[in-house]
Amino acid sequence: MRRSPLSPNSASALAARVKLAGEDFVGEQQELYVSEERSGDETPYERLLGDAMAGDGALFTREDAVEAAWAVVDPVLKTHHRVRLYKRRSWGPKEADTIIAQDGGWHNPGSADSSG
């Protein structure tokens, strides 16, 4: 069961093999399923905004977690190669040919030329 991260309904399931009674080592799978559904017509965004106004941060990422994520992402964004524009539906920019050349080049299954 897949739900939106903002869904007001939550569910958890846990499955385990349980040994049946007796001397034989025979088991069967048992599942524990717990579901919590909120009543009412509140949409997920109404709940999110309501929680924000009430000061309930349970559905929000803490500031230190956001800062830690940016500490990883920001250096990558600053040092990453510039974007190379290329023709739509092509095999990419010409600079990509030099990157893949050491592995034998591109293989274009739509042409007789395997170098793309």
PDB file of N, CA and C in Angstrom:
ATOM      1  N   MET A   1       0.858  -1.167   0.000  1.00  0.00           N
ATOM      2  CA  MET A   1       0.000   0.000   0.000  1.00  0.00           C
ATOM      3  C   MET A   1       0.898   1.223   0.000  1.00  0.00           C
ATOM      4  N   ARG A   2       0.723   2.095  -0.971  1.00  0.00           N
ATOM      5  CA  ARG A   2       1.550   3.282  -1.086  1.00  0.00           C
ATOM      6  C   ARG A   2       0.705   4.509  -0.823  1.00  0.00           C
ATOM      7  N   ARG A   3       1.194   5.378   0.027  1.00  0.00           N
ATOM      8  CA  ARG A   3       0.451   6.585   0.365  1.00  0.00           C
ATOM      9  C   ARG A   3       1.365   7.789   0.193  1.00  0.00           C
ATOM     10  N   SER A   4       0.747   8.916   0.016  1.00  0.00           N
ATOM     11  CA  SER A   4       1.479  10.172  -0.057  1.00  0.00           C
ATOM     12  C   SER A   4       2.147  10.424   1.286  1.00  0.00           C
ATOM     13  N   PRO A   5       3.374  11.030   1.278  1.00  0.00           N
ATOM     14  CA  PRO A   5       4.005  11.346   2.557  1.00  0.00           C
ATOM     15  C   PRO A   5       3.194  12.340   3.381  1.00  0.00           C
ATOM     16  N   LEU A   6       2.262  13.011   2.748  1.00  0.00           N
ATOM     17  CA  LEU A   6       1.424  13.965   3.471  1.00  0.00           C
ATOM     18  C   LEU A   6       0.068  13.373   3.823  1.00  0.00           C
ATOM     19  N   SER A   7      -0.106  12.104   3.557  1.00  0.00           N
ATOM     20  CA  SER A   7      -1.393  11.466   3.811  1.00  0.00           C
ATOM     21  C   SER A   7      -1.710  11.458   5.300  1.00  0.00           C
ATOM     22  N   PRO A   8      -2.960  11.700   5.637  1.00  0.00           N
ATOM     23  CA  PRO A   8      -3.326  11.669   7.056  1.00  0.00           C
ATOM     24  C   PRO A   8      -3.447  10.241   7.593  1.00  0.00           C
ATOM     25  N   ASN A   9      -3.448   9.255   6.713  1.00  0.00           N
ATOM     26  CA  ASN A   9      -3.571   7.866   7.139  1.00  0.00           C
ATOM     27  C   ASN A   9      -2.188   7.223   7.170  1.00  0.00           C
ATOM     28  N   SER A  10      -1.902   6.457   8.203  1.00  0.00           N
ATOM     29  CA  SER A  10      -0.621   5.764   8.262  1.00  0.00           C
ATOM     30  C   SER A  10      -0.877   4.293   8.554  1.00  0.00           C
ATOM     31  N   ALA A  11       0.038   3.464   8.070  1.00  0.00           N
ATOM     32  CA  ALA A  11      -0.108   2.029   8.271  1.00  0.00           C
ATOM     33  C   ALA A  11       1.273   1.404   8.368  1.00  0.00           C
ATOM     34  N   SER A  12       1.372   0.314   9.108  1.00  0.00           N
ATOM     35  CA  SER A  12       2.604  -0.451   9.234  1.00  0.00           C
ATOM     36  C   SER A  12       2.251  -1.918   9.177  1.00  0.00           C
ATOM     37  N   ALA A  13       3.147  -2.695   8.578  1.00  0.00           N
ATOM     38  CA  ALA A  13       2.936  -4.143   8.523  1.00  0.00           C
ATOM     39  C   ALA A  13       4.239  -4.825   8.886  1.00  0.00           C
ATOM     40  N   LEU A  14       4.151  -5.917   9.598  1.00  0.00           N
ATOM     41  CA  LEU A  14       5.305  -6.701  10.000  1.00  0.00           C
ATOM     42  C   LEU A  14       4.965  -8.162   9.755  1.00  0.00           C
ATOM     43  N   ALA A  15       5.809  -8.850   9.004  1.00  0.00           N
ATOM     44  CA  ALA A  15       5.566 -10.261   8.715  1.00  0.00           C
ATOM     45  C   ALA A  15       6.693 -11.091   9.314  1.00  0.00           C
ATOM     46  N   ALA A  16       6.361 -12.281   9.797  1.00  0.00           N
ATOM     47  CA  ALA A  16       7.353 -13.191  10.362  1.00  0.00           C
ATOM     48  C   ALA A  16       6.871 -14.628  10.165  1.00  0.00           C
ATOM     49  N   ARG A  17       7.822 -15.548  10.100  1.00  0.00           N
ATOM     50  CA  ARG A  17       7.449 -16.961  10.039  1.00  0.00           C
ATOM     51  C   ARG A  17       7.319 -17.448  11.482  1.00  0.00           C
ATOM     52  N   VAL A  18       6.220 -18.095  11.765  1.00  0.00           N
ATOM     53  CA  VAL A  18       5.915 -18.570  13.111  1.00  0.00           C
ATOM     54  C   VAL A  18       5.868 -20.089  13.087  1.00  0.00           C
ATOM     55  N   LYS A  19       6.597 -20.740  14.021  1.00  0.00           N
ATOM     56  CA  LYS A  19       6.619 -22.196  14.088  1.00  0.00           C
ATOM     57  C   LYS A  19       5.269 -22.703  14.560  1.00  0.00           C
ATOM     58  N   LEU A  20       4.761 -23.671  13.840  1.00  0.00           N
ATOM     59  CA  LEU A  20       3.504 -24.290  14.229  1.00  0.00           C
ATOM     60  C   LEU A  20       3.734 -25.218  15.423  1.00  0.00           C
ATOM     61  N   ALA A  21       2.698 -25.479  16.179  1.00  0.00           N
ATOM     62  CA  ALA A  21       2.803 -26.374  17.339  1.00  0.00           C
ATOM     63  C   ALA A  21       3.199 -27.772  16.884  1.00  0.00           C
ATOM     64  N   GLY A  22       3.987 -28.436  17.692  1.00  0.00           N
ATOM     65  CA  GLY A  22       4.407 -29.797  17.374  1.00  0.00           C
ATOM     66  C   GLY A  22       5.917 -29.909  17.305  1.00  0.00           C
ATOM     67  N   GLU A  23       6.393 -31.121  17.079  1.00  0.00           N
ATOM     68  CA  GLU A  23       7.832 -31.375  17.063  1.00  0.00           C
ATOM     69  C   GLU A  23       8.487 -30.975  15.745  1.00  0.00           C
ATOM     70  N   ASP A  24       7.746 -30.995  14.651  1.00  0.00           N
ATOM     71  CA  ASP A  24       8.314 -30.649  13.345  1.00  0.00           C
ATOM     72  C   ASP A  24       8.591 -29.156  13.265  1.00  0.00           C
ATOM     73  N   PHE A  25       9.657 -28.853  12.522  1.00  0.00           N
ATOM     74  CA  PHE A  25       9.999 -27.445  12.307  1.00  0.00           C
ATOM     75  C   PHE A  25       9.282 -26.946  11.059  1.00  0.00           C
ATOM     76  N   VAL A  26       7.995 -26.740  11.231  1.00  0.00           N
ATOM     77  CA  VAL A  26       7.154 -26.255  10.147  1.00  0.00           C
ATOM     78  C   VAL A  26       6.601 -24.909  10.591  1.00  0.00           C
ATOM     79  N   GLY A  27       6.701 -23.946   9.694  1.00  0.00           N
ATOM     80  CA  GLY A  27       6.216 -22.624  10.046  1.00  0.00           C
ATOM     81  C   GLY A  27       5.265 -22.087   9.001  1.00  0.00           C
ATOM     82  N   GLU A  28       4.610 -21.028   9.370  1.00  0.00           N
ATOM     83  CA  GLU A  28       3.743 -20.335   8.428  1.00  0.00           C
ATOM     84  C   GLU A  28       3.935 -18.842   8.635  1.00  0.00           C
ATOM     85  N   GLN A  29       3.709 -18.093   7.568  1.00  0.00           N
ATOM     86  CA  GLN A  29       3.885 -16.650   7.665  1.00  0.00           C
ATOM     87  C   GLN A  29       2.658 -16.026   8.315  1.00  0.00           C
ATOM     88  N   GLN A  30       2.919 -15.159   9.289  1.00  0.00           N
ATOM     89  CA  GLN A  30       1.874 -14.405   9.957  1.00  0.00           C
ATOM     90  C   GLN A  30       2.184 -12.927   9.755  1.00  0.00           C
ATOM     91  N   GLU A  31       1.158 -12.135   9.576  1.00  0.00           N
ATOM     92  CA  GLU A  31       1.366 -10.706   9.373  1.00  0.00           C
ATOM     93  C   GLU A  31       0.576  -9.911  10.392  1.00  0.00           C
ATOM     94  N   LEU A  32       1.262  -8.926  10.972  1.00  0.00           N
ATOM     95  CA  LEU A  32       0.621  -7.984  11.878  1.00  0.00           C
ATOM     96  C   LEU A  32       0.469  -6.689  11.098  1.00  0.00           C
ATOM     97  N   TYR A  33      -0.735  -6.206  10.955  1.00  0.00           N
ATOM     98  CA  TYR A  33      -1.015  -5.006  10.180  1.00  0.00           C
ATOM     99  C   TYR A  33      -1.717  -4.011  11.090  1.00  0.00           C
ATOM    100  N   VAL A  34      -1.124  -2.840  11.210  1.00  0.00           N
ATOM    101  CA  VAL A  34      -1.679  -1.792  12.054  1.00  0.00           C
ATOM    102  C   VAL A  34      -1.985  -0.595  11.176  1.00  0.00           C
ATOM    103  N   SER A  35      -3.181  -0.087  11.284  1.00  0.00           N
ATOM    104  CA  SER A  35      -3.581   1.047  10.464  1.00  0.00           C
ATOM    105  C   SER A  35      -4.192   2.110  11.353  1.00  0.00           C
ATOM    106  N   GLU A  36      -3.766   3.343  11.118  1.00  0.00           N
ATOM    107  CA  GLU A  36      -4.338   4.465  11.857  1.00  0.00           C
ATOM    108  C   GLU A  36      -4.914   5.425  10.837  1.00  0.00           C
ATOM    109  N   GLU A  37      -6.187   5.631  10.902  1.00  0.00           N
ATOM    110  CA  GLU A  37      -6.829   6.547   9.968  1.00  0.00           C
ATOM    111  C   GLU A  37      -7.448   7.692  10.744  1.00  0.00           C
ATOM    112  N   ARG A  38      -7.202   8.866  10.239  1.00  0.00           N
ATOM    113  CA  ARG A  38      -7.796  10.046  10.857  1.00  0.00           C
ATOM    114  C   ARG A  38      -9.180  10.242  10.275  1.00  0.00           C
ATOM    115  N   SER A  39     -10.083  10.563  11.117  1.00  0.00           N
ATOM    116  CA  SER A  39     -11.439  10.796  10.631  1.00  0.00           C
ATOM    117  C   SER A  39     -11.580  12.240  10.177  1.00  0.00           C
ATOM    118  N   GLY A  40     -12.591  12.495   9.400  1.00  0.00           N
ATOM    119  CA  GLY A  40     -12.842  13.854   8.945  1.00  0.00           C
ATOM    120  C   GLY A  40     -12.512  14.030   7.476  1.00  0.00           C
ATOM    121  N   ASP A  41     -12.799  15.211   6.994  1.00  0.00           N
ATOM    122  CA  ASP A  41     -12.598  15.520   5.589  1.00  0.00           C
ATOM    123  C   ASP A  41     -11.365  16.371   5.354  1.00  0.00           C
ATOM    124  N   GLU A  42     -10.460  16.398   6.299  1.00  0.00           N
ATOM    125  CA  GLU A  42      -9.270  17.231   6.199  1.00  0.00           C
ATOM    126  C   GLU A  42      -8.326  16.671   5.123  1.00  0.00           C
ATOM    127  N   THR A  43      -7.920  17.528   4.180  1.00  0.00           N
ATOM    128  CA  THR A  43      -6.977  17.096   3.158  1.00  0.00           C
ATOM    129  C   THR A  43      -5.573  17.068   3.761  1.00  0.00           C
ATOM    130  N   PRO A  44      -4.639  16.373   3.107  1.00  0.00           N
ATOM    131  CA  PRO A  44      -3.274  16.344   3.642  1.00  0.00           C
ATOM    132  C   PRO A  44      -2.670  17.728   3.811  1.00  0.00           C
ATOM    133  N   TYR A  45      -2.914  18.630   2.856  1.00  0.00           N
ATOM    134  CA  TYR A  45      -2.357  19.972   2.970  1.00  0.00           C
ATOM    135  C   TYR A  45      -3.027  20.770   4.082  1.00  0.00           C
ATOM    136  N   GLU A  46      -4.295  20.553   4.300  1.00  0.00           N
ATOM    137  CA  GLU A  46      -4.974  21.208   5.425  1.00  0.00           C
ATOM    138  C   GLU A  46      -4.356  20.745   6.733  1.00  0.00           C
ATOM    139  N   ARG A  47      -4.059  19.451   6.826  1.00  0.00           N
ATOM    140  CA  ARG A  47      -3.431  18.927   8.040  1.00  0.00           C
ATOM    141  C   ARG A  47      -2.045  19.527   8.214  1.00  0.00           C
ATOM    142  N   LEU A  48      -1.282  19.581   7.120  1.00  0.00           N
ATOM    143  CA  LEU A  48       0.065  20.121   7.188  1.00  0.00           C
ATOM    144  C   LEU A  48       0.055  21.576   7.640  1.00  0.00           C
ATOM    145  N   LEU A  49      -0.817  22.371   7.027  1.00  0.00           N
ATOM    146  CA  LEU A  49      -0.903  23.776   7.415  1.00  0.00           C
ATOM    147  C   LEU A  49      -1.421  23.937   8.841  1.00  0.00           C
ATOM    148  N   GLY A  50      -2.398  23.104   9.207  1.00  0.00           N
ATOM    149  CA  GLY A  50      -2.924  23.151  10.568  1.00  0.00           C
ATOM    150  C   GLY A  50      -1.858  22.816  11.596  1.00  0.00           C
ATOM    151  N   ASP A  51      -1.063  21.778  11.303  1.00  0.00           N
ATOM    152  CA  ASP A  51       0.024  21.403  12.209  1.00  0.00           C
ATOM    153  C   ASP A  51       1.050  22.525  12.312  1.00  0.00           C
ATOM    154  N   ALA A  52       1.354  23.173  11.180  1.00  0.00           N
ATOM    155  CA  ALA A  52       2.314  24.280  11.194  1.00  0.00           C
ATOM    156  C   ALA A  52       1.800  25.423  12.068  1.00  0.00           C
ATOM    157  N   MET A  53       0.538  25.753  11.922  1.00  0.00           N
ATOM    158  CA  MET A  53      -0.028  26.849  12.718  1.00  0.00           C
ATOM    159  C   MET A  53      -0.109  26.492  14.193  1.00  0.00           C
ATOM    160  N   ALA A  54      -0.258  25.202  14.490  1.00  0.00           N
ATOM    161  CA  ALA A  54      -0.336  24.763  15.886  1.00  0.00           C
ATOM    162  C   ALA A  54       1.044  24.544  16.494  1.00  0.00           C
ATOM    163  N   GLY A  55       2.102  24.658  15.657  1.00  0.00           N
ATOM    164  CA  GLY A  55       3.453  24.457  16.180  1.00  0.00           C
ATOM    165  C   GLY A  55       3.863  23.006  16.277  1.00  0.00           C
ATOM    166  N   ASP A  56       3.132  22.101  15.614  1.00  0.00           N
ATOM    167  CA  ASP A  56       3.469  20.675  15.624  1.00  0.00           C
ATOM    168  C   ASP A  56       4.417  20.407  14.462  1.00  0.00           C
ATOM    169  N   GLY A  57       5.683  20.147  14.762  1.00  0.00           N
ATOM    170  CA  GLY A  57       6.695  19.955  13.730  1.00  0.00           C
ATOM    171  C   GLY A  57       6.916  18.514  13.325  1.00  0.00           C
ATOM    172  N   ALA A  58       6.035  17.604  13.695  1.00  0.00           N
ATOM    173  CA  ALA A  58       6.246  16.179  13.421  1.00  0.00           C
ATOM    174  C   ALA A  58       6.353  15.873  11.925  1.00  0.00           C
ATOM    175  N   LEU A  59       5.681  16.632  11.075  1.00  0.00           N
ATOM    176  CA  LEU A  59       5.714  16.372   9.640  1.00  0.00           C
ATOM    177  C   LEU A  59       6.777  17.197   8.919  1.00  0.00           C
ATOM    178  N   PHE A  60       7.594  17.927   9.654  1.00  0.00           N
ATOM    179  CA  PHE A  60       8.571  18.812   9.052  1.00  0.00           C
ATOM    180  C   PHE A  60       9.981  18.354   9.383  1.00  0.00           C
ATOM    181  N   THR A  61      10.901  18.627   8.464  1.00  0.00           N
ATOM    182  CA  THR A  61      12.304  18.316   8.685  1.00  0.00           C
ATOM    183  C   THR A  61      12.906  19.363   9.600  1.00  0.00           C
ATOM    184  N   ARG A  62      13.706  18.899  10.568  1.00  0.00           N
ATOM    185  CA  ARG A  62      14.342  19.835  11.494  1.00  0.00           C
ATOM    186  C   ARG A  62      15.408  20.642  10.767  1.00  0.00           C
ATOM    187  N   GLU A  63      15.671  21.839  11.264  1.00  0.00           N
ATOM    188  CA  GLU A  63      16.635  22.739  10.633  1.00  0.00           C
ATOM    189  C   GLU A  63      18.026  22.115  10.561  1.00  0.00           C
ATOM    190  N   ASP A  64      18.463  21.420  11.609  1.00  0.00           N
ATOM    191  CA  ASP A  64      19.803  20.838  11.583  1.00  0.00           C
ATOM    192  C   ASP A  64      19.913  19.737  10.529  1.00  0.00           C
ATOM    193  N   ALA A  65      18.814  19.020  10.252  1.00  0.00           N
ATOM    194  CA  ALA A  65      18.837  17.997   9.208  1.00  0.00           C
ATOM    195  C   ALA A  65      18.920  18.634   7.824  1.00  0.00           C
ATOM    196  N   VAL A  66      18.225  19.749   7.646  1.00  0.00           N
ATOM    197  CA  VAL A  66      18.295  20.475   6.370  1.00  0.00           C
ATOM    198  C   VAL A  66      19.706  21.015   6.167  1.00  0.00           C
ATOM    199  N   GLU A  67      20.294  21.582   7.195  1.00  0.00           N
ATOM    200  CA  GLU A  67      21.657  22.104   7.101  1.00  0.00           C
ATOM    201  C   GLU A  67      22.653  20.987   6.793  1.00  0.00           C
ATOM    202  N   ALA A  68      22.482  19.819   7.411  1.00  0.00           N
ATOM    203  CA  ALA A  68      23.378  18.686   7.144  1.00  0.00           C
ATOM    204  C   ALA A  68      23.250  18.223   5.690  1.00  0.00           C
ATOM    205  N   ALA A  69      22.038  18.215   5.169  1.00  0.00           N
ATOM    206  CA  ALA A  69      21.837  17.826   3.769  1.00  0.00           C
ATOM    207  C   ALA A  69      22.511  18.817   2.833  1.00  0.00           C
ATOM    208  N   TRP A  70      22.363  20.104   3.115  1.00  0.00           N
ATOM    209  CA  TRP A  70      23.001  21.114   2.271  1.00  0.00           C
ATOM    210  C   TRP A  70      24.515  21.053   2.376  1.00  0.00           C
ATOM    211  N   ALA A  71      25.047  20.652   3.526  1.00  0.00           N
ATOM    212  CA  ALA A  71      26.502  20.526   3.676  1.00  0.00           C
ATOM    213  C   ALA A  71      27.054  19.487   2.706  1.00  0.00           C
ATOM    214  N   VAL A  72      26.243  18.507   2.335  1.00  0.00           N
ATOM    215  CA  VAL A  72      26.655  17.492   1.372  1.00  0.00           C
ATOM    216  C   VAL A  72      26.411  17.970  -0.054  1.00  0.00           C
ATOM    217  N   VAL A  73      25.255  18.539  -0.307  1.00  0.00           N
ATOM    218  CA  VAL A  73      24.848  18.905  -1.663  1.00  0.00           C
ATOM    219  C   VAL A  73      25.538  20.162  -2.174  1.00  0.00           C
ATOM    220  N   ASP A  74      25.701  21.160  -1.329  1.00  0.00           N
ATOM    221  CA  ASP A  74      26.231  22.445  -1.768  1.00  0.00           C
ATOM    222  C   ASP A  74      27.608  22.346  -2.425  1.00  0.00           C
ATOM    223  N   PRO A  75      28.585  21.612  -1.847  1.00  0.00           N
ATOM    224  CA  PRO A  75      29.885  21.501  -2.525  1.00  0.00           C
ATOM    225  C   PRO A  75      29.779  20.839  -3.908  1.00  0.00           C
ATOM    226  N   VAL A  76      28.881  19.898  -4.050  1.00  0.00           N
ATOM    227  CA  VAL A  76      28.690  19.254  -5.351  1.00  0.00           C
ATOM    228  C   VAL A  76      28.163  20.264  -6.356  1.00  0.00           C
ATOM    229  N   LEU A  77      27.194  21.056  -5.954  1.00  0.00           N
ATOM    230  CA  LEU A  77      26.635  22.060  -6.851  1.00  0.00           C
ATOM    231  C   LEU A  77      27.683  23.108  -7.237  1.00  0.00           C
ATOM    232  N   LYS A  78      28.559  23.445  -6.324  1.00  0.00           N
ATOM    233  CA  LYS A  78      29.570  24.474  -6.597  1.00  0.00           C
ATOM    234  C   LYS A  78      30.694  23.966  -7.490  1.00  0.00           C
ATOM    235  N   THR A  79      31.035  22.677  -7.411  1.00  0.00           N
ATOM    236  CA  THR A  79      32.181  22.152  -8.163  1.00  0.00           C
ATOM    237  C   THR A  79      31.778  21.293  -9.354  1.00  0.00           C
ATOM    238  N   HIS A  80      30.507  21.089  -9.563  1.00  0.00           N
ATOM    239  CA  HIS A  80      30.047  20.236 -10.664  1.00  0.00           C
ATOM    240  C   HIS A  80      30.327  20.912 -11.996  1.00  0.00           C
ATOM    241  N   HIS A  81      30.573  20.092 -13.016  1.00  0.00           N
ATOM    242  CA  HIS A  81      30.825  20.634 -14.357  1.00  0.00           C
ATOM    243  C   HIS A  81      29.613  21.417 -14.845  1.00  0.00           C
ATOM    244  N   ARG A  82      29.882  22.415 -15.657  1.00  0.00           N
ATOM    245  CA  ARG A  82      28.806  23.218 -16.229  1.00  0.00           C
ATOM    246  C   ARG A  82      27.954  22.353 -17.138  1.00  0.00           C
ATOM    247  N   VAL A  83      26.701  22.706 -17.265  1.00  0.00           N
ATOM    248  CA  VAL A  83      25.780  21.984 -18.135  1.00  0.00           C
ATOM    249  C   VAL A  83      26.178  22.225 -19.587  1.00  0.00           C
ATOM    250  N   ARG A  84      26.184  21.169 -20.384  1.00  0.00           N
ATOM    251  CA  ARG A  84      26.480  21.270 -21.813  1.00  0.00           C
ATOM    252  C   ARG A  84      25.174  21.086 -22.571  1.00  0.00           C
ATOM    253  N   LEU A  85      24.808  22.049 -23.349  1.00  0.00           N
ATOM    254  CA  LEU A  85      23.585  21.952 -24.137  1.00  0.00           C
ATOM    255  C   LEU A  85      23.822  21.034 -25.329  1.00  0.00           C
ATOM    256  N   TYR A  86      22.803  20.308 -25.726  1.00  0.00           N
ATOM    257  CA  TYR A  86      22.909  19.435 -26.887  1.00  0.00           C
ATOM    258  C   TYR A  86      21.545  19.304 -27.539  1.00  0.00           C
ATOM    259  N   LYS A  87      21.579  18.857 -28.785  1.00  0.00           N
ATOM    260  CA  LYS A  87      20.367  18.751 -29.577  1.00  0.00           C
ATOM    261  C   LYS A  87      19.437  17.687 -28.994  1.00  0.00           C
ATOM    262  N   ARG A  88      18.173  18.018 -28.894  1.00  0.00           N
ATOM    263  CA  ARG A  88      17.154  17.100 -28.394  1.00  0.00           C
ATOM    264  C   ARG A  88      17.137  15.821 -29.232  1.00  0.00           C
ATOM    265  N   ARG A  89      16.953  14.700 -28.554  1.00  0.00           N
ATOM    266  CA  ARG A  89      16.920  13.357 -29.153  1.00  0.00           C
ATOM    267  C   ARG A  89      18.252  12.943 -29.769  1.00  0.00           C
ATOM    268  N   SER A  90      19.327  13.591 -29.360  1.00  0.00           N
ATOM    269  CA  SER A  90      20.659  13.213 -29.829  1.00  0.00           C
ATOM    270  C   SER A  90      21.303  12.329 -28.759  1.00  0.00           C
ATOM    271  N   TRP A  91      22.546  11.953 -28.982  1.00  0.00           N
ATOM    272  CA  TRP A  91      23.276  11.128 -28.022  1.00  0.00           C
ATOM    273  C   TRP A  91      24.005  11.980 -26.994  1.00  0.00           C
ATOM    274  N   GLY A  92      23.691  13.249 -26.937  1.00  0.00           N
ATOM    275  CA  GLY A  92      24.290  14.114 -25.933  1.00  0.00           C
ATOM    276  C   GLY A  92      25.348  15.017 -26.517  1.00  0.00           C
ATOM    277  N   PRO A  93      25.992  15.818 -25.668  1.00  0.00           N
ATOM    278  CA  PRO A  93      27.003  16.756 -26.160  1.00  0.00           C
ATOM    279  C   PRO A  93      28.251  16.011 -26.639  1.00  0.00           C
ATOM    280  N   LYS A  94      28.999  16.635 -27.531  1.00  0.00           N
ATOM    281  CA  LYS A  94      30.228  16.024 -28.069  1.00  0.00           C
ATOM    282  C   LYS A  94      31.232  15.745 -26.950  1.00  0.00           C
ATOM    283  N   GLU A  95      31.235  16.557 -25.890  1.00  0.00           N
ATOM    284  CA  GLU A  95      32.164  16.339 -24.775  1.00  0.00           C
ATOM    285  C   GLU A  95      31.956  14.978 -24.122  1.00  0.00           C
ATOM    286  N   ALA A  96      30.755  14.423 -24.244  1.00  0.00           N
ATOM    287  CA  ALA A  96      30.484  13.107 -23.654  1.00  0.00           C
ATOM    288  C   ALA A  96      31.272  12.012 -24.361  1.00  0.00           C
ATOM    289  N   ASP A  97      31.602  12.231 -25.646  1.00  0.00           N
ATOM    290  CA  ASP A  97      32.371  11.231 -26.392  1.00  0.00           C
ATOM    291  C   ASP A  97      33.734  10.991 -25.749  1.00  0.00           C
ATOM    292  N   THR A  98      34.378  12.045 -25.246  1.00  0.00           N
ATOM    293  CA  THR A  98      35.692  11.873 -24.630  1.00  0.00           C
ATOM    294  C   THR A  98      35.594  11.130 -23.299  1.00  0.00           C
ATOM    295  N   ILE A  99      34.493  11.303 -22.600  1.00  0.00           N
ATOM    296  CA  ILE A  99      34.320  10.609 -21.316  1.00  0.00           C
ATOM    297  C   ILE A  99      34.177   9.110 -21.529  1.00  0.00           C
ATOM    298  N   ILE A 100      33.410   8.708 -22.527  1.00  0.00           N
ATOM    299  CA  ILE A 100      33.119   7.287 -22.742  1.00  0.00           C
ATOM    300  C   ILE A 100      34.130   6.610 -23.674  1.00  0.00           C
ATOM    301  N   ALA A 101      35.021   7.389 -24.316  1.00  0.00           N
ATOM    302  CA  ALA A 101      35.978   6.833 -25.278  1.00  0.00           C
ATOM    303  C   ALA A 101      36.839   5.731 -24.671  1.00  0.00           C
ATOM    304  N   GLN A 102      37.259   5.879 -23.428  1.00  0.00           N
ATOM    305  CA  GLN A 102      38.128   4.886 -22.798  1.00  0.00           C
ATOM    306  C   GLN A 102      37.424   3.530 -22.613  1.00  0.00           C
ATOM    307  N   ASP A 103      36.100   3.534 -22.681  1.00  0.00           N
ATOM    308  CA  ASP A 103      35.344   2.283 -22.555  1.00  0.00           C
ATOM    309  C   ASP A 103      34.862   1.756 -23.905  1.00  0.00           C
ATOM    310  N   GLY A 104      35.377   2.300 -24.983  1.00  0.00           N
ATOM    311  CA  GLY A 104      35.016   1.799 -26.303  1.00  0.00           C
ATOM    312  C   GLY A 104      34.024   2.660 -27.049  1.00  0.00           C
ATOM    313  N   GLY A 105      33.608   3.763 -26.493  1.00  0.00           N
ATOM    314  CA  GLY A 105      32.683   4.660 -27.169  1.00  0.00           C
ATOM    315  C   GLY A 105      31.236   4.239 -27.015  1.00  0.00           C
ATOM    316  N   TRP A 106      30.374   5.003 -27.677  1.00  0.00           N
ATOM    317  CA  TRP A 106      28.934   4.772 -27.631  1.00  0.00           C
ATOM    318  C   TRP A 106      28.539   3.683 -28.607  1.00  0.00           C
ATOM    319  N   HIS A 107      27.493   2.990 -28.312  1.00  0.00           N
ATOM    320  CA  HIS A 107      26.899   2.044 -29.258  1.00  0.00           C
ATOM    321  C   HIS A 107      25.501   2.532 -29.550  1.00  0.00           C
ATOM    322  N   ASN A 108      25.272   2.955 -30.780  1.00  0.00           N
ATOM    323  CA  ASN A 108      23.969   3.425 -31.201  1.00  0.00           C
ATOM    324  C   ASN A 108      23.256   2.272 -31.907  1.00  0.00           C
ATOM    325  N   PRO A 109      22.289   1.643 -31.271  1.00  0.00           N
ATOM    326  CA  PRO A 109      21.626   0.490 -31.890  1.00  0.00           C
ATOM    327  C   PRO A 109      20.810   0.867 -33.120  1.00  0.00           C
ATOM    328  N   GLY A 110      20.593   2.157 -33.343  1.00  0.00           N
ATOM    329  CA  GLY A 110      19.799   2.575 -34.486  1.00  0.00           C
ATOM    330  C   GLY A 110      20.611   2.877 -35.725  1.00  0.00           C
ATOM    331  N   SER A 111      21.945   2.712 -35.665  1.00  0.00           N
ATOM    332  CA  SER A 111      22.757   3.009 -36.837  1.00  0.00           C
ATOM    333  C   SER A 111      23.796   1.915 -37.041  1.00  0.00           C
ATOM    334  N   ALA A 112      24.350   1.856 -38.255  1.00  0.00           N
ATOM    335  CA  ALA A 112      25.404   0.886 -38.564  1.00  0.00           C
ATOM    336  C   ALA A 112      26.717   1.307 -37.918  1.00  0.00           C
ATOM    337  N   ASP A 113      26.866   2.586 -37.660  1.00  0.00           N
ATOM    338  CA  ASP A 113      28.072   3.115 -37.035  1.00  0.00           C
ATOM    339  C   ASP A 113      27.952   2.960 -35.528  1.00  0.00           C
ATOM    340  N   SER A 114      28.791   2.146 -34.898  1.00  0.00           N
ATOM    341  CA  SER A 114      28.686   1.903 -33.448  1.00  0.00           C
ATOM    342  C   SER A 114      29.307   3.005 -32.624  1.00  0.00           C
ATOM    343  N   SER A 115      29.940   3.999 -33.249  1.00  0.00           N
ATOM    344  CA  SER A 115      30.547   5.074 -32.458  1.00  0.00           C
ATOM    345  C   SER A 115      29.559   6.176 -32.142  1.00  0.00           C
ATOM    346  N   GLY A 116      28.302   6.078 -32.674  1.00  0.00           N
ATOM    347  CA  GLY A 116      27.253   7.026 -32.340  1.00  0.00           C
ATOM    348  C   GLY A 116      27.348   8.250 -33.120  1.00  0.00           C
TER     349      GLY A 116
END
